[in-house]
Amino acid sequence: MTQILNGARKCFVQRGFHASSISEISAAAGVSIANIYQYFPSKEALIIALIELDLQRHRSLISRFWSTDFSPKAIEELLADIFLTPEGHAVAVLRAEIASEGARNPHVAELLRDSETGLIGSVHSLIRAAQRRGQISNELDPDLITERLSLVFEGLMRLYLFSPANGQKLIEQYYRQFADTLRLRP
């Protein structure tokens, strides 16, 4: 199944969800079309599976992010996998494709909304834990922190789509916004 998902992911990053055919996915994955349908009853089911994997990856990144010491070095190391690698750029391309699919497909839109709701609750818990550890001020509002950092990250991911060579600059921009939002001392 992983082989199929990897092949599909490669096709979707290169050609998009709708321009990629099952036969192209079959060739990229090195499996038969029948094998694909054994695991995924439709191309939409394959798309949903990849979206769910992306959402898991995003949740994992957020969890790792909030478990750092919030130093520039720690944040840069964490974001380097996204902003400084070809694989990270593929993630950005796939996330843009997922957002577009959410605008067209009500099932995907619902999946994304539900995931976002869960992520917000998770981030609030992580922020409160950081406040209890004394990493950030108790006066900071978890809603405002979540909103601002999410908007900044999504904006930088969009910029990264078109300017992958600017990855280091984007990491630095994110850290400045992060430090400002959390009122971290340099």
C-alpha atoms as a PDB file:
ATOM      1  CA  MET A   1       0.000   0.000   0.000  1.00  0.00           C
ATOM      2  CA  THR A   2       2.885   2.388   0.803  1.00  0.00           C
ATOM      3  CA  GLN A   3       4.274   1.796  -2.669  1.00  0.00           C
ATOM      4  CA  ILE A   4       0.937   2.806  -4.197  1.00  0.00           C
ATOM      5  CA  LEU A   5       0.676   5.920  -2.040  1.00  0.00           C
ATOM      6  CA  ASN A   6       4.233   6.949  -2.932  1.00  0.00           C
ATOM      7  CA  GLY A   7       3.540   6.499  -6.647  1.00  0.00           C
ATOM      8  CA  ALA A   8       0.291   8.429  -6.405  1.00  0.00           C
ATOM      9  CA  ARG A   9       1.963  11.177  -4.420  1.00  0.00           C
ATOM     10  CA  LYS A  10       4.656  11.549  -7.083  1.00  0.00           C
ATOM     11  CA  CYS A  11       2.027  11.813  -9.818  1.00  0.00           C
ATOM     12  CA  PHE A  12      -0.162  14.211  -7.857  1.00  0.00           C
ATOM     13  CA  VAL A  13       2.752  16.516  -7.080  1.00  0.00           C
ATOM     14  CA  GLN A  14       3.794  16.568 -10.748  1.00  0.00           C
ATOM     15  CA  ARG A  15       0.372  16.713 -12.433  1.00  0.00           C
ATOM     16  CA  GLY A  16      -2.288  17.358  -9.798  1.00  0.00           C
ATOM     17  CA  PHE A  17      -5.087  15.150  -8.561  1.00  0.00           C
ATOM     18  CA  HIS A  18      -7.310  15.369 -11.607  1.00  0.00           C
ATOM     19  CA  ALA A  19      -4.684  15.279 -14.367  1.00  0.00           C
ATOM     20  CA  SER A  20      -3.116  12.097 -12.971  1.00  0.00           C
ATOM     21  CA  SER A  21      -4.636   8.881 -14.225  1.00  0.00           C
ATOM     22  CA  ILE A  22      -4.771   5.531 -12.481  1.00  0.00           C
ATOM     23  CA  SER A  23      -2.558   4.096 -15.247  1.00  0.00           C
ATOM     24  CA  GLU A  24       0.084   6.789 -14.547  1.00  0.00           C
ATOM     25  CA  ILE A  25      -0.140   6.062 -10.838  1.00  0.00           C
ATOM     26  CA  SER A  26       0.204   2.350 -11.591  1.00  0.00           C
ATOM     27  CA  ALA A  27       3.383   2.969 -13.612  1.00  0.00           C
ATOM     28  CA  ALA A  28       4.852   5.335 -11.005  1.00  0.00           C
ATOM     29  CA  ALA A  29       4.121   2.871  -8.192  1.00  0.00           C
ATOM     30  CA  GLY A  30       5.310  -0.148 -10.153  1.00  0.00           C
ATOM     31  CA  VAL A  31       2.098  -2.076  -9.476  1.00  0.00           C
ATOM     32  CA  SER A  32      -0.839  -3.189 -11.579  1.00  0.00           C
ATOM     33  CA  ILE A  33      -4.024  -1.180 -11.836  1.00  0.00           C
ATOM     34  CA  ALA A  34      -5.847  -4.144 -10.266  1.00  0.00           C
ATOM     35  CA  ASN A  35      -3.474  -3.940  -7.312  1.00  0.00           C
ATOM     36  CA  ILE A  36      -4.347  -0.284  -6.805  1.00  0.00           C
ATOM     37  CA  TYR A  37      -8.069  -1.075  -6.822  1.00  0.00           C
ATOM     38  CA  GLN A  38      -7.468  -3.889  -4.338  1.00  0.00           C
ATOM     39  CA  TYR A  39      -6.527  -1.229  -1.756  1.00  0.00           C
ATOM     40  CA  PHE A  40      -8.382   1.820  -3.047  1.00  0.00           C
ATOM     41  CA  PRO A  41     -11.824   1.433  -4.665  1.00  0.00           C
ATOM     42  CA  SER A  42     -11.452   4.746  -6.542  1.00  0.00           C
ATOM     43  CA  LYS A  43      -9.013   7.515  -7.302  1.00  0.00           C
ATOM     44  CA  GLU A  44     -10.914   9.642  -4.794  1.00  0.00           C
ATOM     45  CA  ALA A  45     -10.213   7.048  -2.079  1.00  0.00           C
ATOM     46  CA  LEU A  46      -6.525   7.276  -2.974  1.00  0.00           C
ATOM     47  CA  ILE A  47      -6.665  11.070  -2.803  1.00  0.00           C
ATOM     48  CA  ILE A  48      -8.377  10.911   0.603  1.00  0.00           C
ATOM     49  CA  ALA A  49      -5.719   8.493   1.883  1.00  0.00           C
ATOM     50  CA  LEU A  50      -2.953  10.894   0.805  1.00  0.00           C
ATOM     51  CA  ILE A  51      -4.750  13.831   2.390  1.00  0.00           C
ATOM     52  CA  GLU A  52      -5.050  11.909   5.654  1.00  0.00           C
ATOM     53  CA  LEU A  53      -1.308  11.133   5.532  1.00  0.00           C
ATOM     54  CA  ASP A  54      -0.542  14.808   4.950  1.00  0.00           C
ATOM     55  CA  LEU A  55      -2.754  15.801   7.882  1.00  0.00           C
ATOM     56  CA  GLN A  56      -0.949  13.285  10.124  1.00  0.00           C
ATOM     57  CA  ARG A  57       2.412  14.686   9.002  1.00  0.00           C
ATOM     58  CA  HIS A  58       1.193  18.203   9.775  1.00  0.00           C
ATOM     59  CA  ARG A  59      -0.023  17.202  13.261  1.00  0.00           C
ATOM     60  CA  SER A  60       3.321  15.532  13.950  1.00  0.00           C
ATOM     61  CA  LEU A  61       5.215  18.657  12.857  1.00  0.00           C
ATOM     62  CA  ILE A  62       3.115  20.831  15.161  1.00  0.00           C
ATOM     63  CA  SER A  63       3.655  18.489  18.093  1.00  0.00           C
ATOM     64  CA  ARG A  64       7.424  18.434  17.514  1.00  0.00           C
ATOM     65  CA  PHE A  65       7.421  22.204  17.077  1.00  0.00           C
ATOM     66  CA  TRP A  66       5.855  22.849  20.478  1.00  0.00           C
ATOM     67  CA  SER A  67       8.207  20.397  22.198  1.00  0.00           C
ATOM     68  CA  THR A  68      11.316  22.390  21.217  1.00  0.00           C
ATOM     69  CA  ASP A  69      13.069  24.994  23.350  1.00  0.00           C
ATOM     70  CA  PHE A  70      11.824  27.673  20.878  1.00  0.00           C
ATOM     71  CA  SER A  71      15.382  28.705  20.018  1.00  0.00           C
ATOM     72  CA  PRO A  72      16.106  29.885  16.475  1.00  0.00           C
ATOM     73  CA  LYS A  73      18.305  26.817  15.968  1.00  0.00           C
ATOM     74  CA  ALA A  74      15.603  24.364  17.093  1.00  0.00           C
ATOM     75  CA  ILE A  75      12.941  25.965  14.919  1.00  0.00           C
ATOM     76  CA  GLU A  76      15.267  26.147  11.911  1.00  0.00           C
ATOM     77  CA  GLU A  77      16.181  22.469  12.272  1.00  0.00           C
ATOM     78  CA  LEU A  78      12.520  21.544  12.416  1.00  0.00           C
ATOM     79  CA  LEU A  79      11.475  23.693   9.462  1.00  0.00           C
ATOM     80  CA  ALA A  80      14.515  22.750   7.355  1.00  0.00           C
ATOM     81  CA  ASP A  81      12.819  19.495   6.365  1.00  0.00           C
ATOM     82  CA  ILE A  82      10.106  21.549   4.727  1.00  0.00           C
ATOM     83  CA  PHE A  83      11.778  24.707   3.460  1.00  0.00           C
ATOM     84  CA  LEU A  84      15.214  23.390   2.516  1.00  0.00           C
ATOM     85  CA  THR A  85      14.556  20.074   0.755  1.00  0.00           C
ATOM     86  CA  PRO A  86      12.996  18.947  -2.514  1.00  0.00           C
ATOM     87  CA  GLU A  87      10.747  16.640  -0.442  1.00  0.00           C
ATOM     88  CA  GLY A  88       9.572  19.656   1.556  1.00  0.00           C
ATOM     89  CA  HIS A  89       8.741  21.517  -1.638  1.00  0.00           C
ATOM     90  CA  ALA A  90       6.725  18.485  -2.776  1.00  0.00           C
ATOM     91  CA  VAL A  91       4.808  18.716   0.517  1.00  0.00           C
ATOM     92  CA  ALA A  92       4.041  22.375  -0.206  1.00  0.00           C
ATOM     93  CA  VAL A  93       2.834  21.510  -3.721  1.00  0.00           C
ATOM     94  CA  LEU A  94       0.665  18.695  -2.384  1.00  0.00           C
ATOM     95  CA  ARG A  95      -0.804  20.962   0.324  1.00  0.00           C
ATOM     96  CA  ALA A  96      -1.786  23.490  -2.365  1.00  0.00           C
ATOM     97  CA  GLU A  97      -3.419  20.690  -4.367  1.00  0.00           C
ATOM     98  CA  ILE A  98      -5.251  19.544  -1.222  1.00  0.00           C
ATOM     99  CA  ALA A  99      -6.551  23.066  -0.574  1.00  0.00           C
ATOM    100  CA  SER A 100      -7.815  23.276  -4.161  1.00  0.00           C
ATOM    101  CA  GLU A 101      -9.506  19.898  -3.812  1.00  0.00           C
ATOM    102  CA  GLY A 102     -11.180  21.135  -0.625  1.00  0.00           C
ATOM    103  CA  ALA A 103     -12.727  23.970  -2.626  1.00  0.00           C
ATOM    104  CA  ARG A 104     -14.191  21.491  -5.152  1.00  0.00           C
ATOM    105  CA  ASN A 105     -14.997  18.423  -3.101  1.00  0.00           C
ATOM    106  CA  PRO A 106     -17.387  18.718  -0.127  1.00  0.00           C
ATOM    107  CA  HIS A 107     -16.050  15.488   1.415  1.00  0.00           C
ATOM    108  CA  VAL A 108     -12.495  16.827   1.357  1.00  0.00           C
ATOM    109  CA  ALA A 109     -13.668  20.204   2.674  1.00  0.00           C
ATOM    110  CA  GLU A 110     -15.323  18.468   5.619  1.00  0.00           C
ATOM    111  CA  LEU A 111     -12.207  16.389   6.272  1.00  0.00           C
ATOM    112  CA  LEU A 112     -10.054  19.537   6.268  1.00  0.00           C
ATOM    113  CA  ARG A 113     -12.453  21.462   8.531  1.00  0.00           C
ATOM    114  CA  ASP A 114     -12.584  18.579  11.025  1.00  0.00           C
ATOM    115  CA  SER A 115      -8.811  18.291  10.993  1.00  0.00           C
ATOM    116  CA  GLU A 116      -8.408  22.035  11.507  1.00  0.00           C
ATOM    117  CA  THR A 117     -10.762  21.953  14.481  1.00  0.00           C
ATOM    118  CA  GLY A 118      -8.777  19.115  16.027  1.00  0.00           C
ATOM    119  CA  LEU A 119      -5.479  20.860  15.345  1.00  0.00           C
ATOM    120  CA  ILE A 120      -6.644  24.067  16.979  1.00  0.00           C
ATOM    121  CA  GLY A 121      -7.605  22.168  20.132  1.00  0.00           C
ATOM    122  CA  SER A 122      -4.273  20.356  20.098  1.00  0.00           C
ATOM    123  CA  VAL A 123      -2.284  23.559  19.621  1.00  0.00           C
ATOM    124  CA  HIS A 124      -4.184  25.226  22.466  1.00  0.00           C
ATOM    125  CA  SER A 125      -3.192  22.325  24.735  1.00  0.00           C
ATOM    126  CA  LEU A 126       0.427  22.576  23.591  1.00  0.00           C
ATOM    127  CA  ILE A 127       0.444  26.334  24.212  1.00  0.00           C
ATOM    128  CA  ARG A 128      -0.985  25.869  27.702  1.00  0.00           C
ATOM    129  CA  ALA A 129       1.676  23.239  28.406  1.00  0.00           C
ATOM    130  CA  ALA A 130       4.374  25.691  27.292  1.00  0.00           C
ATOM    131  CA  GLN A 131       2.818  28.284  29.594  1.00  0.00           C
ATOM    132  CA  ARG A 132       2.869  25.839  32.525  1.00  0.00           C
ATOM    133  CA  ARG A 133       6.546  25.087  31.797  1.00  0.00           C
ATOM    134  CA  GLY A 134       7.259  28.813  31.886  1.00  0.00           C
ATOM    135  CA  GLN A 135       8.417  28.943  28.259  1.00  0.00           C
ATOM    136  CA  ILE A 136       5.885  31.627  27.397  1.00  0.00           C
ATOM    137  CA  SER A 137       3.811  34.101  29.345  1.00  0.00           C
ATOM    138  CA  ASN A 138       0.494  33.006  30.840  1.00  0.00           C
ATOM    139  CA  GLU A 139      -0.914  36.315  29.628  1.00  0.00           C
ATOM    140  CA  LEU A 140      -0.752  35.234  25.994  1.00  0.00           C
ATOM    141  CA  ASP A 141      -4.052  34.151  24.431  1.00  0.00           C
ATOM    142  CA  PRO A 142      -3.839  30.655  22.858  1.00  0.00           C
ATOM    143  CA  ASP A 143      -6.488  31.610  20.266  1.00  0.00           C
ATOM    144  CA  LEU A 144      -4.493  34.611  19.040  1.00  0.00           C
ATOM    145  CA  ILE A 145      -1.230  32.668  19.013  1.00  0.00           C
ATOM    146  CA  THR A 146      -2.779  29.829  17.029  1.00  0.00           C
ATOM    147  CA  GLU A 147      -4.456  32.155  14.558  1.00  0.00           C
ATOM    148  CA  ARG A 148      -1.389  34.273  13.864  1.00  0.00           C
ATOM    149  CA  LEU A 149       1.128  31.441  13.606  1.00  0.00           C
ATOM    150  CA  SER A 150      -1.198  29.431  11.382  1.00  0.00           C
ATOM    151  CA  LEU A 151      -1.739  32.340   9.018  1.00  0.00           C
ATOM    152  CA  VAL A 152       1.977  33.107   8.872  1.00  0.00           C
ATOM    153  CA  PHE A 153       2.896  29.469   8.206  1.00  0.00           C
ATOM    154  CA  GLU A 154       0.269  29.031   5.483  1.00  0.00           C
ATOM    155  CA  GLY A 155       1.340  32.298   3.855  1.00  0.00           C
ATOM    156  CA  LEU A 156       4.979  31.276   3.844  1.00  0.00           C
ATOM    157  CA  MET A 157       4.082  27.851   2.422  1.00  0.00           C
ATOM    158  CA  ARG A 158       2.309  29.625  -0.431  1.00  0.00           C
ATOM    159  CA  LEU A 159       5.360  31.807  -1.086  1.00  0.00           C
ATOM    160  CA  TYR A 160       7.553  28.714  -0.975  1.00  0.00           C
ATOM    161  CA  LEU A 161       5.544  27.121  -3.784  1.00  0.00           C
ATOM    162  CA  PHE A 162       6.816  29.722  -6.230  1.00  0.00           C
ATOM    163  CA  SER A 163      10.221  30.456  -4.712  1.00  0.00           C
ATOM    164  CA  PRO A 164      11.752  27.275  -3.304  1.00  0.00           C
ATOM    165  CA  ALA A 165      15.227  28.850  -3.425  1.00  0.00           C
ATOM    166  CA  ASN A 166      14.086  31.286  -0.703  1.00  0.00           C
ATOM    167  CA  GLY A 167      13.588  28.554   1.915  1.00  0.00           C
ATOM    168  CA  GLN A 168      16.165  29.888   4.386  1.00  0.00           C
ATOM    169  CA  LYS A 169      14.693  33.375   4.179  1.00  0.00           C
ATOM    170  CA  LEU A 170      11.201  31.966   4.814  1.00  0.00           C
ATOM    171  CA  ILE A 171      12.407  30.088   7.893  1.00  0.00           C
ATOM    172  CA  GLU A 172      13.918  33.306   9.229  1.00  0.00           C
ATOM    173  CA  GLN A 173      10.694  35.194   8.523  1.00  0.00           C
ATOM    174  CA  TYR A 174       8.688  32.543  10.349  1.00  0.00           C
ATOM    175  CA  TYR A 175      10.978  32.660  13.350  1.00  0.00           C
ATOM    176  CA  ARG A 176      10.694  36.455  13.596  1.00  0.00           C
ATOM    177  CA  GLN A 177       6.886  36.186  13.586  1.00  0.00           C
ATOM    178  CA  PHE A 178       7.003  33.275  16.040  1.00  0.00           C
ATOM    179  CA  ALA A 179       9.321  35.118  18.469  1.00  0.00           C
ATOM    180  CA  ASP A 180       7.240  38.282  18.197  1.00  0.00           C
ATOM    181  CA  THR A 181       3.965  36.420  18.774  1.00  0.00           C
ATOM    182  CA  LEU A 182       5.304  34.599  21.834  1.00  0.00           C
ATOM    183  CA  ARG A 183       7.226  37.669  23.045  1.00  0.00           C
ATOM    184  CA  LEU A 184      10.456  35.714  23.193  1.00  0.00           C
ATOM    185  CA  ARG A 185      13.590  37.551  24.161  1.00  0.00           C
ATOM    186  CA  PRO A 186      16.446  37.444  21.622  1.00  0.00           C
END
